[in-house]
N, C-alpha and C. Protein backbone atom coordinates (compact mmCIF):
# COMPACT_ATOMS: atom_id res chain seq x y z
N UNK A 1 -24.74 -84.49 -58.22
CA UNK A 1 -25.02 -84.21 -56.82
C UNK A 1 -25.23 -85.52 -56.07
N UNK A 2 -24.52 -85.68 -54.99
CA UNK A 2 -24.58 -86.90 -54.22
C UNK A 2 -25.86 -86.94 -53.40
N UNK A 3 -26.57 -88.06 -53.49
CA UNK A 3 -27.79 -88.21 -52.71
C UNK A 3 -27.44 -88.70 -51.32
N UNK A 4 -28.24 -88.29 -50.35
CA UNK A 4 -28.04 -88.75 -48.98
C UNK A 4 -28.36 -90.24 -48.91
N UNK A 5 -27.49 -90.97 -48.28
CA UNK A 5 -27.66 -92.41 -48.17
C UNK A 5 -28.76 -92.76 -47.19
N UNK A 6 -29.40 -93.87 -47.45
CA UNK A 6 -30.42 -94.37 -46.54
C UNK A 6 -29.80 -94.88 -45.25
N UNK A 7 -28.49 -95.10 -45.24
CA UNK A 7 -27.85 -95.60 -44.03
C UNK A 7 -27.58 -94.52 -43.00
N UNK A 8 -27.64 -93.28 -43.40
CA UNK A 8 -27.40 -92.21 -42.44
C UNK A 8 -28.46 -92.26 -41.36
N UNK A 9 -28.03 -92.20 -40.14
CA UNK A 9 -28.88 -92.31 -38.95
C UNK A 9 -29.78 -93.54 -39.00
N UNK A 10 -29.26 -94.62 -39.54
CA UNK A 10 -30.02 -95.86 -39.65
C UNK A 10 -30.13 -96.56 -38.31
N UNK A 11 -31.07 -97.48 -38.24
CA UNK A 11 -31.12 -98.36 -37.09
C UNK A 11 -30.13 -99.48 -37.33
N UNK A 12 -29.27 -99.71 -36.39
CA UNK A 12 -28.40 -100.87 -36.47
C UNK A 12 -29.10 -102.02 -35.78
N UNK A 13 -28.83 -103.20 -36.23
CA UNK A 13 -29.45 -104.37 -35.64
C UNK A 13 -28.44 -105.10 -34.77
N UNK A 14 -28.91 -105.56 -33.63
CA UNK A 14 -28.04 -106.38 -32.80
C UNK A 14 -27.94 -107.75 -33.44
N UNK A 15 -27.03 -108.57 -32.97
CA UNK A 15 -26.79 -109.86 -33.60
C UNK A 15 -28.03 -110.75 -33.56
N UNK A 16 -28.92 -110.56 -32.60
CA UNK A 16 -30.13 -111.37 -32.54
C UNK A 16 -31.25 -110.81 -33.43
N UNK A 17 -30.99 -109.72 -34.13
CA UNK A 17 -31.96 -109.16 -35.05
C UNK A 17 -32.86 -108.10 -34.44
N UNK A 18 -32.77 -107.91 -33.15
CA UNK A 18 -33.61 -106.89 -32.50
C UNK A 18 -33.06 -105.51 -32.82
N UNK A 19 -33.95 -104.56 -33.03
CA UNK A 19 -33.45 -103.22 -33.31
C UNK A 19 -32.76 -102.69 -32.06
N UNK A 20 -31.70 -101.97 -32.27
CA UNK A 20 -30.87 -101.57 -31.13
C UNK A 20 -31.03 -100.09 -30.83
N UNK A 21 -30.42 -99.25 -31.62
CA UNK A 21 -30.43 -97.82 -31.32
C UNK A 21 -30.32 -97.03 -32.62
N UNK A 22 -31.10 -95.97 -32.72
CA UNK A 22 -30.95 -95.10 -33.87
C UNK A 22 -29.70 -94.27 -33.63
N UNK A 23 -28.79 -94.36 -34.58
CA UNK A 23 -27.52 -93.67 -34.41
C UNK A 23 -27.66 -92.19 -34.75
N UNK A 24 -27.20 -91.32 -33.87
CA UNK A 24 -27.29 -89.88 -34.12
C UNK A 24 -26.09 -89.38 -34.92
N UNK A 25 -25.72 -90.13 -35.97
CA UNK A 25 -24.52 -89.84 -36.72
C UNK A 25 -24.81 -89.72 -38.21
N UNK A 26 -23.87 -89.09 -38.91
CA UNK A 26 -23.98 -89.04 -40.37
C UNK A 26 -23.49 -90.36 -40.96
N UNK A 27 -23.64 -90.50 -42.26
CA UNK A 27 -23.33 -91.76 -42.94
C UNK A 27 -21.88 -92.20 -42.75
N UNK A 28 -20.95 -91.28 -42.82
CA UNK A 28 -19.53 -91.64 -42.67
C UNK A 28 -19.26 -92.25 -41.29
N UNK A 29 -19.86 -91.68 -40.27
CA UNK A 29 -19.67 -92.19 -38.91
C UNK A 29 -20.37 -93.53 -38.75
N UNK A 30 -21.58 -93.66 -39.27
CA UNK A 30 -22.29 -94.95 -39.22
C UNK A 30 -21.45 -96.04 -39.86
N UNK A 31 -20.90 -95.76 -41.03
CA UNK A 31 -20.06 -96.74 -41.72
C UNK A 31 -18.83 -97.09 -40.89
N UNK A 32 -18.18 -96.08 -40.34
CA UNK A 32 -16.99 -96.31 -39.50
C UNK A 32 -17.34 -97.17 -38.30
N UNK A 33 -18.39 -96.81 -37.57
CA UNK A 33 -18.76 -97.56 -36.37
C UNK A 33 -19.15 -98.99 -36.71
N UNK A 34 -19.86 -99.17 -37.80
CA UNK A 34 -20.26 -100.52 -38.21
C UNK A 34 -19.05 -101.38 -38.52
N UNK A 35 -18.08 -100.80 -39.24
CA UNK A 35 -16.86 -101.55 -39.58
C UNK A 35 -15.99 -101.79 -38.35
N UNK A 36 -15.84 -100.79 -37.52
CA UNK A 36 -14.92 -100.90 -36.38
C UNK A 36 -15.48 -101.74 -35.23
N UNK A 37 -16.79 -101.68 -35.02
CA UNK A 37 -17.36 -102.30 -33.83
C UNK A 37 -18.37 -103.40 -34.11
N UNK A 38 -18.79 -103.56 -35.36
CA UNK A 38 -19.76 -104.60 -35.68
C UNK A 38 -21.02 -104.43 -34.85
N UNK A 39 -21.50 -105.51 -34.26
CA UNK A 39 -22.72 -105.46 -33.45
C UNK A 39 -22.56 -104.54 -32.24
N UNK A 40 -21.34 -104.30 -31.81
CA UNK A 40 -21.11 -103.41 -30.67
C UNK A 40 -21.25 -101.93 -31.02
N UNK A 41 -21.45 -101.62 -32.29
CA UNK A 41 -21.69 -100.23 -32.69
C UNK A 41 -22.92 -99.67 -31.97
N UNK A 42 -23.87 -100.53 -31.68
CA UNK A 42 -25.05 -100.07 -30.95
C UNK A 42 -24.69 -99.61 -29.55
N UNK A 43 -23.71 -100.25 -28.94
CA UNK A 43 -23.27 -99.82 -27.60
C UNK A 43 -22.61 -98.45 -27.67
N UNK A 44 -21.82 -98.22 -28.72
CA UNK A 44 -21.20 -96.90 -28.90
C UNK A 44 -22.30 -95.85 -29.06
N UNK A 45 -23.35 -96.18 -29.81
CA UNK A 45 -24.46 -95.26 -29.99
C UNK A 45 -25.16 -94.96 -28.67
N UNK A 46 -25.35 -95.99 -27.85
CA UNK A 46 -25.97 -95.79 -26.54
C UNK A 46 -25.12 -94.86 -25.67
N UNK A 47 -23.82 -95.06 -25.70
CA UNK A 47 -22.91 -94.20 -24.94
C UNK A 47 -22.99 -92.77 -25.47
N UNK A 48 -23.05 -92.63 -26.78
CA UNK A 48 -23.15 -91.29 -27.38
C UNK A 48 -24.40 -90.58 -26.90
N UNK A 49 -25.50 -91.29 -26.85
CA UNK A 49 -26.76 -90.70 -26.39
C UNK A 49 -26.67 -90.31 -24.92
N UNK A 50 -26.16 -91.20 -24.09
CA UNK A 50 -26.12 -90.97 -22.65
C UNK A 50 -25.13 -89.88 -22.25
N UNK A 51 -24.04 -89.76 -22.98
CA UNK A 51 -22.96 -88.85 -22.59
C UNK A 51 -22.73 -87.71 -23.55
N UNK A 52 -23.68 -87.44 -24.43
CA UNK A 52 -23.51 -86.40 -25.45
C UNK A 52 -22.20 -86.60 -26.21
N UNK A 53 -21.96 -87.84 -26.60
CA UNK A 53 -20.70 -88.19 -27.24
C UNK A 53 -20.79 -88.40 -28.73
N UNK A 54 -21.78 -87.78 -29.39
CA UNK A 54 -21.97 -88.01 -30.82
C UNK A 54 -21.13 -87.09 -31.69
N UNK A 55 -20.52 -86.08 -31.11
CA UNK A 55 -19.74 -85.16 -31.95
C UNK A 55 -18.37 -85.77 -32.28
N UNK A 56 -17.84 -85.33 -33.41
CA UNK A 56 -16.55 -85.85 -33.89
C UNK A 56 -15.41 -85.33 -33.02
N UNK A 57 -14.42 -86.17 -32.85
CA UNK A 57 -13.18 -85.74 -32.19
C UNK A 57 -12.45 -84.74 -33.07
N UNK A 58 -12.40 -85.04 -34.37
CA UNK A 58 -11.72 -84.22 -35.37
C UNK A 58 -12.68 -84.10 -36.55
N UNK A 59 -12.93 -82.90 -37.01
CA UNK A 59 -13.95 -82.66 -38.03
C UNK A 59 -13.77 -83.52 -39.28
N UNK A 60 -12.55 -83.76 -39.70
CA UNK A 60 -12.31 -84.46 -40.95
C UNK A 60 -12.31 -85.98 -40.83
N UNK A 61 -12.43 -86.50 -39.61
CA UNK A 61 -12.37 -87.95 -39.40
C UNK A 61 -13.65 -88.45 -38.73
N UNK A 62 -14.00 -89.72 -38.90
CA UNK A 62 -15.28 -90.22 -38.40
C UNK A 62 -15.28 -90.66 -36.93
N UNK A 63 -14.24 -90.38 -36.19
CA UNK A 63 -14.18 -90.80 -34.79
C UNK A 63 -15.00 -89.86 -33.91
N UNK A 64 -15.74 -90.44 -32.94
CA UNK A 64 -16.60 -89.64 -32.07
C UNK A 64 -16.21 -89.83 -30.61
N UNK A 65 -16.64 -88.88 -29.79
CA UNK A 65 -16.29 -88.90 -28.37
C UNK A 65 -16.76 -90.16 -27.66
N UNK A 66 -17.87 -90.72 -28.06
CA UNK A 66 -18.36 -91.93 -27.41
C UNK A 66 -17.37 -93.08 -27.52
N UNK A 67 -16.51 -93.04 -28.52
CA UNK A 67 -15.51 -94.10 -28.67
C UNK A 67 -14.48 -94.06 -27.54
N UNK A 68 -14.22 -92.89 -27.00
CA UNK A 68 -13.30 -92.79 -25.86
C UNK A 68 -13.90 -93.56 -24.68
N UNK A 69 -15.16 -93.29 -24.38
CA UNK A 69 -15.82 -93.95 -23.26
C UNK A 69 -15.98 -95.45 -23.51
N UNK A 70 -16.31 -95.81 -24.74
CA UNK A 70 -16.43 -97.24 -25.08
C UNK A 70 -15.08 -97.94 -24.86
N UNK A 71 -14.01 -97.33 -25.31
CA UNK A 71 -12.68 -97.92 -25.17
C UNK A 71 -12.31 -98.08 -23.69
N UNK A 72 -12.69 -97.12 -22.88
CA UNK A 72 -12.42 -97.22 -21.45
C UNK A 72 -13.22 -98.35 -20.81
N UNK A 73 -14.48 -98.47 -21.19
CA UNK A 73 -15.37 -99.46 -20.58
C UNK A 73 -15.14 -100.87 -21.09
N UNK A 74 -14.74 -101.00 -22.35
CA UNK A 74 -14.74 -102.32 -22.98
C UNK A 74 -13.41 -102.80 -23.55
N UNK A 75 -12.46 -101.90 -23.71
CA UNK A 75 -11.22 -102.28 -24.37
C UNK A 75 -9.98 -102.05 -23.51
N UNK A 76 -10.17 -101.74 -22.26
CA UNK A 76 -9.08 -101.56 -21.30
C UNK A 76 -8.03 -100.55 -21.74
N UNK A 77 -8.47 -99.46 -22.34
CA UNK A 77 -7.54 -98.39 -22.70
C UNK A 77 -7.01 -97.78 -21.41
N UNK A 78 -5.69 -97.65 -21.33
CA UNK A 78 -5.09 -97.07 -20.13
C UNK A 78 -4.10 -95.96 -20.42
N UNK A 79 -3.85 -95.66 -21.71
CA UNK A 79 -2.96 -94.55 -22.06
C UNK A 79 -3.57 -93.74 -23.21
N UNK A 80 -3.13 -92.52 -23.30
CA UNK A 80 -3.54 -91.64 -24.40
C UNK A 80 -3.10 -92.22 -25.73
N UNK A 81 -1.86 -92.67 -25.81
CA UNK A 81 -1.34 -93.24 -27.06
C UNK A 81 -2.12 -94.48 -27.47
N UNK A 82 -2.53 -95.27 -26.52
CA UNK A 82 -3.31 -96.46 -26.83
C UNK A 82 -4.58 -96.08 -27.57
N UNK A 83 -5.26 -95.04 -27.09
CA UNK A 83 -6.49 -94.63 -27.77
C UNK A 83 -6.22 -93.98 -29.12
N UNK A 84 -5.34 -93.00 -29.16
CA UNK A 84 -5.13 -92.22 -30.38
C UNK A 84 -4.37 -92.98 -31.47
N UNK A 85 -3.56 -93.94 -31.09
CA UNK A 85 -2.77 -94.67 -32.09
C UNK A 85 -3.32 -96.05 -32.41
N UNK A 86 -3.86 -96.74 -31.41
CA UNK A 86 -4.27 -98.13 -31.63
C UNK A 86 -5.78 -98.33 -31.68
N UNK A 87 -6.51 -97.75 -30.78
CA UNK A 87 -7.98 -97.95 -30.78
C UNK A 87 -8.62 -97.18 -31.92
N UNK A 88 -8.05 -96.03 -32.21
CA UNK A 88 -8.40 -95.29 -33.42
C UNK A 88 -7.11 -95.21 -34.23
N UNK A 89 -7.17 -94.63 -35.37
CA UNK A 89 -5.96 -94.47 -36.18
C UNK A 89 -5.67 -92.98 -36.38
N UNK A 90 -6.05 -92.20 -35.39
CA UNK A 90 -5.87 -90.76 -35.47
C UNK A 90 -4.41 -90.39 -35.67
N UNK A 91 -3.51 -91.08 -35.02
CA UNK A 91 -2.08 -90.79 -35.16
C UNK A 91 -1.68 -90.78 -36.63
N UNK A 92 -2.18 -91.73 -37.40
CA UNK A 92 -1.80 -91.84 -38.82
C UNK A 92 -2.74 -91.12 -39.77
N UNK A 93 -3.98 -90.92 -39.38
CA UNK A 93 -4.96 -90.36 -40.30
C UNK A 93 -5.13 -88.85 -40.21
N UNK A 94 -4.83 -88.28 -39.07
CA UNK A 94 -5.00 -86.83 -38.90
C UNK A 94 -3.75 -86.11 -39.37
N UNK A 95 -3.96 -84.99 -40.02
CA UNK A 95 -2.84 -84.20 -40.56
C UNK A 95 -1.83 -83.82 -39.48
N UNK A 96 -2.32 -83.48 -38.28
CA UNK A 96 -1.38 -83.11 -37.21
C UNK A 96 -1.20 -84.25 -36.19
N UNK A 97 -1.60 -85.45 -36.59
CA UNK A 97 -1.42 -86.67 -35.78
C UNK A 97 -2.21 -86.64 -34.47
N UNK A 98 -3.22 -85.79 -34.40
CA UNK A 98 -4.05 -85.73 -33.20
C UNK A 98 -3.52 -84.81 -32.11
N UNK A 99 -2.50 -84.03 -32.42
CA UNK A 99 -1.91 -83.13 -31.42
C UNK A 99 -2.95 -82.15 -30.89
N UNK A 100 -3.79 -81.62 -31.76
CA UNK A 100 -4.77 -80.62 -31.33
C UNK A 100 -5.80 -81.21 -30.37
N UNK A 101 -6.23 -82.43 -30.62
CA UNK A 101 -7.27 -83.04 -29.79
C UNK A 101 -6.70 -83.78 -28.58
N UNK A 102 -5.42 -84.08 -28.59
CA UNK A 102 -4.81 -84.89 -27.53
C UNK A 102 -5.08 -84.36 -26.11
N UNK A 103 -4.96 -83.06 -25.85
CA UNK A 103 -5.23 -82.59 -24.48
C UNK A 103 -6.67 -82.84 -24.04
N UNK A 104 -7.62 -82.71 -24.96
CA UNK A 104 -9.02 -82.95 -24.60
C UNK A 104 -9.28 -84.43 -24.36
N UNK A 105 -8.70 -85.29 -25.19
CA UNK A 105 -8.84 -86.73 -24.98
C UNK A 105 -8.16 -87.12 -23.66
N UNK A 106 -6.99 -86.57 -23.41
CA UNK A 106 -6.29 -86.85 -22.15
C UNK A 106 -7.14 -86.43 -20.95
N UNK A 107 -7.81 -85.30 -21.05
CA UNK A 107 -8.67 -84.84 -19.96
C UNK A 107 -9.83 -85.80 -19.74
N UNK A 108 -10.40 -86.31 -20.82
CA UNK A 108 -11.51 -87.28 -20.71
C UNK A 108 -11.01 -88.57 -20.06
N UNK A 109 -9.84 -89.05 -20.50
CA UNK A 109 -9.26 -90.24 -19.90
C UNK A 109 -8.93 -90.00 -18.43
N UNK A 110 -8.39 -88.83 -18.13
CA UNK A 110 -8.02 -88.49 -16.75
C UNK A 110 -9.21 -88.54 -15.82
N UNK A 111 -10.35 -88.05 -16.31
CA UNK A 111 -11.58 -88.08 -15.51
C UNK A 111 -11.93 -89.50 -15.11
N UNK A 112 -11.90 -90.39 -16.08
CA UNK A 112 -12.33 -91.77 -15.85
C UNK A 112 -11.28 -92.62 -15.15
N UNK A 113 -9.99 -92.29 -15.38
CA UNK A 113 -8.91 -93.11 -14.83
C UNK A 113 -8.25 -92.48 -13.61
N UNK A 114 -8.82 -91.35 -13.15
CA UNK A 114 -8.33 -90.66 -11.95
C UNK A 114 -6.87 -90.24 -12.06
N UNK A 115 -6.51 -89.71 -13.22
CA UNK A 115 -5.15 -89.18 -13.38
C UNK A 115 -5.07 -87.79 -12.77
N UNK A 116 -3.92 -87.47 -12.21
CA UNK A 116 -3.67 -86.11 -11.76
C UNK A 116 -3.01 -85.33 -12.90
N UNK A 117 -2.76 -84.05 -12.66
CA UNK A 117 -2.19 -83.19 -13.71
C UNK A 117 -0.83 -83.68 -14.18
N UNK A 118 -0.05 -84.22 -13.26
CA UNK A 118 1.27 -84.75 -13.62
C UNK A 118 1.13 -85.91 -14.59
N UNK A 119 0.20 -86.80 -14.31
CA UNK A 119 0.00 -87.95 -15.20
C UNK A 119 -0.49 -87.50 -16.57
N UNK A 120 -1.37 -86.52 -16.61
CA UNK A 120 -1.85 -86.00 -17.90
C UNK A 120 -0.67 -85.48 -18.71
N UNK A 121 0.21 -84.72 -18.09
CA UNK A 121 1.38 -84.20 -18.80
C UNK A 121 2.30 -85.32 -19.27
N UNK A 122 2.45 -86.35 -18.46
CA UNK A 122 3.26 -87.51 -18.87
C UNK A 122 2.65 -88.19 -20.09
N UNK A 123 1.34 -88.33 -20.10
CA UNK A 123 0.65 -88.96 -21.23
C UNK A 123 0.81 -88.13 -22.50
N UNK A 124 0.70 -86.82 -22.37
CA UNK A 124 0.87 -85.95 -23.53
C UNK A 124 2.29 -86.02 -24.07
N UNK A 125 3.27 -86.05 -23.19
CA UNK A 125 4.67 -86.18 -23.63
C UNK A 125 4.91 -87.54 -24.29
N UNK A 126 4.38 -88.59 -23.70
CA UNK A 126 4.55 -89.93 -24.27
C UNK A 126 3.90 -90.02 -25.65
N UNK A 127 2.75 -89.36 -25.81
CA UNK A 127 2.10 -89.37 -27.12
C UNK A 127 2.93 -88.59 -28.14
N UNK A 128 3.46 -87.47 -27.72
CA UNK A 128 4.34 -86.69 -28.61
C UNK A 128 5.54 -87.54 -29.04
N UNK A 129 6.10 -88.30 -28.12
CA UNK A 129 7.22 -89.19 -28.45
C UNK A 129 6.79 -90.25 -29.47
N UNK A 130 5.59 -90.77 -29.30
CA UNK A 130 5.09 -91.77 -30.24
C UNK A 130 4.92 -91.17 -31.64
N UNK A 131 4.46 -89.94 -31.70
CA UNK A 131 4.33 -89.25 -32.99
C UNK A 131 5.69 -89.14 -33.65
N UNK A 132 6.69 -88.74 -32.89
CA UNK A 132 8.04 -88.61 -33.45
C UNK A 132 8.55 -89.94 -34.00
N UNK A 133 8.28 -91.01 -33.30
CA UNK A 133 8.69 -92.34 -33.78
C UNK A 133 7.96 -92.74 -35.06
N UNK A 134 6.72 -92.28 -35.18
CA UNK A 134 5.90 -92.66 -36.34
C UNK A 134 6.25 -91.88 -37.60
N UNK A 135 6.92 -90.75 -37.45
CA UNK A 135 7.24 -89.91 -38.61
C UNK A 135 8.30 -90.54 -39.48
């Protein structure tokens, strides 16, 4: 029987050693955020707390909704494909390449980037095209 890790919902430390934020995530997500964002994982945790972004995008993968907002604020994400294929690896890691979650992620991006319905549909089509190229 696997024991629960002490790192689950651990405090991450900022680079100066000050405690940052208790992460509202399980061990797999903590590990993912630590590897992907380093000291900036605390910022993702803060966003998760402020925006109820601690839930997973896809149940089987460690990506969380706060990463969408973080990518918008800090990584200049401007397309759906940029987030699902490059900022995360959902395109390659998810069984359906993120098709199921793509409309919801596009809606979140649309809110922040002021996309209209036409732009959302263009983004979804462009992402579908990227999936076809990746197969």
